[in-house]
Amino acid sequence: MAVWRRHPSNIRDLEQFAEEEWSKIPPEHSTDNTFSSIHFGNQQNINDPNEECNDTEETQATNPVNCSKYRSECEEHLHQDAFSDCMKLMNLEPYIEACMIDMCSCDNSQDSFCLCSSITEYSRQCSHAGGHPRNWRTPDFCPKQCPANMIYQESASPCKDSCSNFETHNLCEEHYMDGCFCPEGLGRIVEGSGTINSAVYQKILKENVWPSVRDLKLKHAWVLEQANDTQLTGKSTSEWLKKNTIKTLEWP
């Protein structure tokens, strides 16, 4: 396995990639039919003007056999219920071996970068294959933090419906992916008729805004957008919004 700038989304099985690249070389130009991932990686070395890259020795390759003591732990991680959908679509053995090698190569710790990356890559490949892995992370094991009101999902469609197009998800051709997403659903929609005044508007806010905030699990990081009508921005409503600690978006 190779890691570029310690980002798990760029981890790839170089053994297979190396074989694919080797097969493109014409037979008359080929002098050796062995082409390991380390050999392939060494071919990509480019020296910096102020630093020279050293080739990695072939003897440094980690043999999964030597890491067999970690098999049961890796199997436990990759066989958990969150990946039940993945086991029907993918061969688990290569990922178990990669996990074992990571446990050998890193600090043998459950919260190590390498172990989290191995499980993350298995989950992503499952999504690419059409599976829907569920959340396997916890606050203490490979946690993910999202900004503001966004929530982390292990496998979700990148094509989200909007107020202008409710069918976006049906037209999406992208595979599911992990990442931070806006909460699913819309807030409450209120229909009314007649004249609206400050008292009516405050009643609508009280009966619909807070329930929507709770339903969407927005907590405190949200802002109310309203028009610039005097019935919505008058003294009575402004005081009510301030009393209920509701922030509003400045209207131009």
Protein backbone atom coordinates (compact mmCIF):
# COMPACT_ATOMS: atom_id res chain seq x y z
CA MET A 1 0.00 0.00 0.00
CA ALA A 2 1.12 3.61 -0.55
CA VAL A 3 0.07 6.80 1.18
CA TRP A 4 0.43 10.17 -0.51
CA ARG A 5 0.68 13.06 1.98
CA ARG A 6 -0.98 10.87 4.59
CA HIS A 7 -4.41 11.18 2.99
CA PRO A 8 -6.39 7.93 2.98
CA SER A 9 -8.37 8.73 -0.16
CA ASN A 10 -5.20 8.24 -2.20
CA ILE A 11 -4.31 4.81 -0.88
CA ARG A 12 -4.11 2.23 -3.64
CA ASP A 13 -3.02 -1.34 -4.03
CA LEU A 14 0.19 -0.82 -6.01
CA GLU A 15 0.79 -4.51 -6.61
CA GLN A 16 -2.13 -4.65 -9.03
CA PHE A 17 -1.34 -1.26 -10.52
CA ALA A 18 2.28 -2.27 -11.05
CA GLU A 19 1.20 -5.42 -12.86
CA GLU A 20 -1.09 -3.38 -15.10
CA GLU A 21 1.73 -0.97 -15.95
CA TRP A 22 4.18 -3.82 -16.50
CA SER A 23 1.81 -5.49 -18.96
CA LYS A 24 1.95 -2.37 -21.15
CA ILE A 25 5.70 -2.78 -21.74
CA PRO A 26 6.46 -4.56 -25.06
CA PRO A 27 8.11 -7.99 -24.54
CA GLU A 28 11.22 -6.96 -26.47
CA HIS A 29 11.81 -4.15 -23.95
CA SER A 30 11.14 -6.28 -20.90
CA THR A 31 14.11 -7.84 -19.11
CA ASP A 32 12.44 -8.88 -15.87
CA ASN A 33 8.96 -10.18 -15.19
CA THR A 34 9.01 -9.30 -11.51
CA PHE A 35 7.74 -5.87 -10.61
CA SER A 36 6.88 -5.30 -6.95
CA SER A 37 5.07 -2.30 -5.49
CA ILE A 38 8.34 -1.10 -3.92
CA HIS A 39 10.12 -1.35 -7.28
CA PHE A 40 7.31 0.57 -8.93
CA GLY A 41 7.33 3.20 -6.17
CA ASN A 42 11.09 3.69 -6.54
CA GLN A 43 10.59 4.41 -10.23
CA GLN A 44 8.45 7.43 -9.29
CA ASN A 45 11.16 9.11 -7.20
CA ILE A 46 11.95 12.67 -8.28
CA ASN A 47 14.76 14.47 -6.52
CA ASP A 48 14.09 17.88 -5.02
CA PRO A 49 16.70 20.56 -5.87
CA ASN A 50 17.80 20.53 -2.23
CA GLU A 51 17.06 16.93 -1.34
CA GLU A 52 17.76 13.56 -2.89
CA CYS A 53 15.24 10.73 -2.60
CA ASN A 54 16.60 7.37 -1.55
CA ASP A 55 15.17 4.17 -2.99
CA THR A 56 13.39 1.87 -0.57
CA GLU A 57 15.04 -1.55 -0.25
CA GLU A 58 12.99 -4.51 -1.45
CA THR A 59 13.77 -6.24 1.85
CA GLN A 60 11.65 -3.61 3.62
CA ALA A 61 8.45 -4.99 2.11
CA THR A 62 6.19 -6.29 4.86
CA ASN A 63 5.02 -9.86 4.42
CA PRO A 64 1.43 -10.44 5.63
CA VAL A 65 2.54 -13.82 6.96
CA ASN A 66 4.75 -12.06 9.50
CA CYS A 67 1.76 -10.02 10.69
CA SER A 68 -0.62 -12.92 11.27
CA LYS A 69 -0.99 -12.08 14.96
CA TYR A 70 -3.14 -9.12 13.92
CA ARG A 71 -5.51 -11.13 11.71
CA SER A 72 -8.22 -11.65 14.32
CA GLU A 73 -8.27 -7.96 15.21
CA CYS A 74 -8.45 -6.90 11.56
CA GLU A 75 -11.19 -9.42 10.85
CA GLU A 76 -13.15 -8.07 13.79
CA HIS A 77 -12.96 -4.52 12.41
CA LEU A 78 -13.87 -5.46 8.84
CA HIS A 79 -16.56 -8.00 9.75
CA GLN A 80 -18.57 -5.59 11.88
CA ASP A 81 -22.28 -5.05 11.12
CA ALA A 82 -21.61 -1.68 9.50
CA PHE A 83 -20.04 -3.56 6.55
CA SER A 84 -22.66 -6.30 6.19
CA ASP A 85 -23.63 -4.89 2.80
CA CYS A 86 -20.00 -4.91 1.64
CA MET A 87 -19.27 -8.58 2.28
CA LYS A 88 -21.67 -9.57 -0.50
CA LEU A 89 -19.88 -7.38 -3.05
CA MET A 90 -16.18 -7.57 -2.27
CA ASN A 91 -13.38 -9.99 -1.56
CA LEU A 92 -12.43 -9.20 2.02
CA GLU A 93 -9.06 -10.99 2.11
CA PRO A 94 -6.93 -8.25 0.42
CA TYR A 95 -8.23 -5.70 2.91
CA ILE A 96 -7.54 -7.97 5.87
CA GLU A 97 -3.96 -8.42 4.64
CA ALA A 98 -3.58 -4.65 4.15
CA CYS A 99 -4.89 -4.08 7.67
CA MET A 100 -2.42 -6.64 9.06
CA ILE A 101 0.48 -4.95 7.27
CA ASP A 102 -0.61 -1.56 8.57
CA MET A 103 -0.70 -2.89 12.12
CA CYS A 104 2.85 -4.18 11.62
CA SER A 105 4.14 -1.03 9.96
CA CYS A 106 2.62 1.54 12.26
CA ASP A 107 2.51 1.73 16.02
CA ASN A 108 0.21 -1.29 16.43
CA SER A 109 -2.35 1.02 17.96
CA GLN A 110 -6.08 0.93 17.27
CA ASP A 111 -6.21 4.69 16.86
CA SER A 112 -3.23 4.78 14.50
CA PHE A 113 -3.50 6.61 11.19
CA CYS A 114 -2.76 3.48 9.19
CA LEU A 115 -5.49 1.33 10.71
CA CYS A 116 -8.10 4.05 10.27
CA SER A 117 -6.95 4.45 6.66
CA SER A 118 -7.28 0.73 5.96
CA ILE A 119 -10.84 0.61 7.23
CA THR A 120 -11.69 3.88 5.47
CA GLU A 121 -10.41 2.55 2.16
CA TYR A 122 -12.43 -0.66 2.53
CA SER A 123 -15.54 1.41 3.22
CA ARG A 124 -14.93 3.67 0.21
CA GLN A 125 -14.31 0.78 -2.15
CA CYS A 126 -17.55 -0.76 -0.90
CA SER A 127 -19.40 2.43 -1.87
CA HIS A 128 -17.70 2.38 -5.28
CA ALA A 129 -18.91 -1.19 -5.75
CA GLY A 130 -22.50 -0.17 -5.06
CA GLY A 131 -22.66 -0.99 -1.35
CA HIS A 132 -23.82 1.24 1.46
CA PRO A 133 -21.58 0.88 4.51
CA ARG A 134 -22.97 2.35 7.69
CA ASN A 135 -21.13 4.54 10.16
CA TRP A 136 -18.38 2.60 11.98
CA ARG A 137 -16.60 5.52 13.58
CA THR A 138 -16.95 6.55 17.20
CA PRO A 139 -15.78 9.65 19.10
CA ASP A 140 -12.80 7.59 20.31
CA PHE A 141 -12.01 5.57 17.18
CA CYS A 142 -11.19 7.26 13.85
CA PRO A 143 -13.53 10.22 14.56
CA LYS A 144 -14.57 12.76 11.93
CA GLN A 145 -15.49 16.37 12.64
CA CYS A 146 -17.79 18.41 10.40
CA PRO A 147 -18.23 22.19 10.33
CA ALA A 148 -21.31 24.04 11.56
CA ASN A 149 -24.54 22.05 11.08
CA MET A 150 -23.13 19.46 8.71
CA ILE A 151 -23.11 15.80 9.70
CA TYR A 152 -20.70 13.05 8.72
CA GLN A 153 -22.07 10.17 6.66
CA GLU A 154 -20.09 7.10 5.70
CA SER A 155 -21.91 6.55 2.42
CA ALA A 156 -24.26 9.12 0.90
CA SER A 157 -25.14 10.49 -2.51
CA PRO A 158 -23.19 13.60 -3.55
CA CYS A 159 -26.25 14.72 -5.55
CA LYS A 160 -28.62 16.42 -3.13
CA ASP A 161 -32.18 17.55 -3.79
CA SER A 162 -32.94 21.25 -3.49
CA CYS A 163 -36.00 23.46 -3.32
CA SER A 164 -35.70 24.04 -7.08
CA ASN A 165 -35.16 20.37 -7.97
CA PHE A 166 -36.58 17.57 -5.84
CA GLU A 167 -35.45 14.84 -8.27
CA THR A 168 -31.70 15.46 -8.34
CA HIS A 169 -30.97 12.17 -6.57
CA ASN A 170 -32.84 10.22 -9.28
CA LEU A 171 -30.62 11.68 -12.02
CA CYS A 172 -27.33 11.26 -10.17
CA GLU A 173 -24.71 9.09 -11.89
CA GLU A 174 -22.03 9.47 -9.19
CA HIS A 175 -21.29 6.67 -6.75
CA TYR A 176 -21.94 7.19 -3.06
CA MET A 177 -19.13 8.70 -1.00
CA ASP A 178 -18.18 9.58 2.56
CA GLY A 179 -17.96 13.12 3.87
CA CYS A 180 -19.78 15.98 5.55
CA PHE A 181 -23.34 16.56 4.36
CA CYS A 182 -26.24 18.83 5.22
CA PRO A 183 -28.95 17.12 7.29
CA GLU A 184 -31.63 15.38 5.24
CA GLY A 185 -35.03 16.99 4.80
CA LEU A 186 -36.57 20.44 4.91
CA GLY A 187 -38.04 22.47 7.70
CA ARG A 188 -41.77 22.82 8.22
CA ILE A 189 -43.69 24.53 5.41
CA VAL A 190 -46.51 26.81 6.58
CA GLU A 191 -49.35 27.98 4.34
CA GLY A 192 -51.39 31.02 5.26
CA SER A 193 -53.70 33.67 3.91
CA GLY A 194 -54.72 37.17 4.83
CA THR A 195 -52.61 39.85 6.46
CA ILE A 196 -49.60 38.96 8.55
CA ASN A 197 -48.59 41.11 11.49
CA SER A 198 -45.88 40.85 14.14
CA ALA A 199 -48.00 38.71 16.47
CA VAL A 200 -48.91 36.23 13.71
CA TYR A 201 -45.32 36.08 12.51
CA GLN A 202 -43.99 35.41 16.00
CA LYS A 203 -46.58 32.66 16.45
CA ILE A 204 -45.42 31.02 13.19
CA LEU A 205 -41.81 31.18 14.33
CA LYS A 206 -42.60 29.74 17.75
CA GLU A 207 -44.67 26.85 16.39
CA ASN A 208 -42.48 25.94 13.41
CA VAL A 209 -38.91 27.21 13.60
CA TRP A 210 -37.86 25.52 16.84
CA PRO A 211 -39.49 22.16 15.93
CA SER A 212 -37.65 22.32 12.57
CA VAL A 213 -34.36 23.05 14.33
CA ARG A 214 -34.90 20.03 16.58
CA ASP A 215 -35.99 17.76 13.71
CA LEU A 216 -32.93 18.67 11.65
CA LYS A 217 -30.63 18.48 14.70
CA LEU A 218 -29.20 21.92 13.97
CA LYS A 219 -28.36 22.66 17.61
CA HIS A 220 -27.22 26.30 17.90
CA ALA A 221 -25.27 26.86 14.69
CA TRP A 222 -28.05 28.17 12.44
CA VAL A 223 -29.27 31.53 11.13
CA LEU A 224 -32.82 32.67 10.27
CA GLU A 225 -33.27 34.31 6.87
CA GLN A 226 -36.27 36.60 6.55
CA ALA A 227 -37.45 39.36 4.24
CA ASN A 228 -37.04 43.05 5.04
CA ASP A 229 -40.73 43.74 5.57
CA THR A 230 -41.46 45.98 8.55
CA GLN A 231 -43.82 43.38 10.02
CA LEU A 232 -40.86 40.98 10.19
CA THR A 233 -38.22 43.42 11.36
CA GLY A 234 -40.22 45.72 13.64
CA LYS A 235 -39.38 46.42 17.26
CA SER A 236 -41.72 43.77 18.69
CA THR A 237 -40.37 40.99 16.46
CA SER A 238 -36.75 42.09 16.91
CA GLU A 239 -37.16 41.93 20.68
CA TRP A 240 -38.79 38.49 20.42
CA LEU A 241 -35.93 37.19 18.25
CA LYS A 242 -33.36 38.58 20.68
CA LYS A 243 -35.17 37.08 23.67
CA ASN A 244 -35.18 33.67 21.98
CA THR A 245 -31.52 34.01 20.89
CA ILE A 246 -32.34 33.63 17.19
CA LYS A 247 -29.71 35.09 14.86
CA THR A 248 -30.93 36.58 11.58
CA LEU A 249 -29.16 36.99 8.25
CA GLU A 250 -28.60 40.63 7.33
CA TRP A 251 -30.81 41.61 4.44
CA PRO A 252 -29.34 43.94 1.79
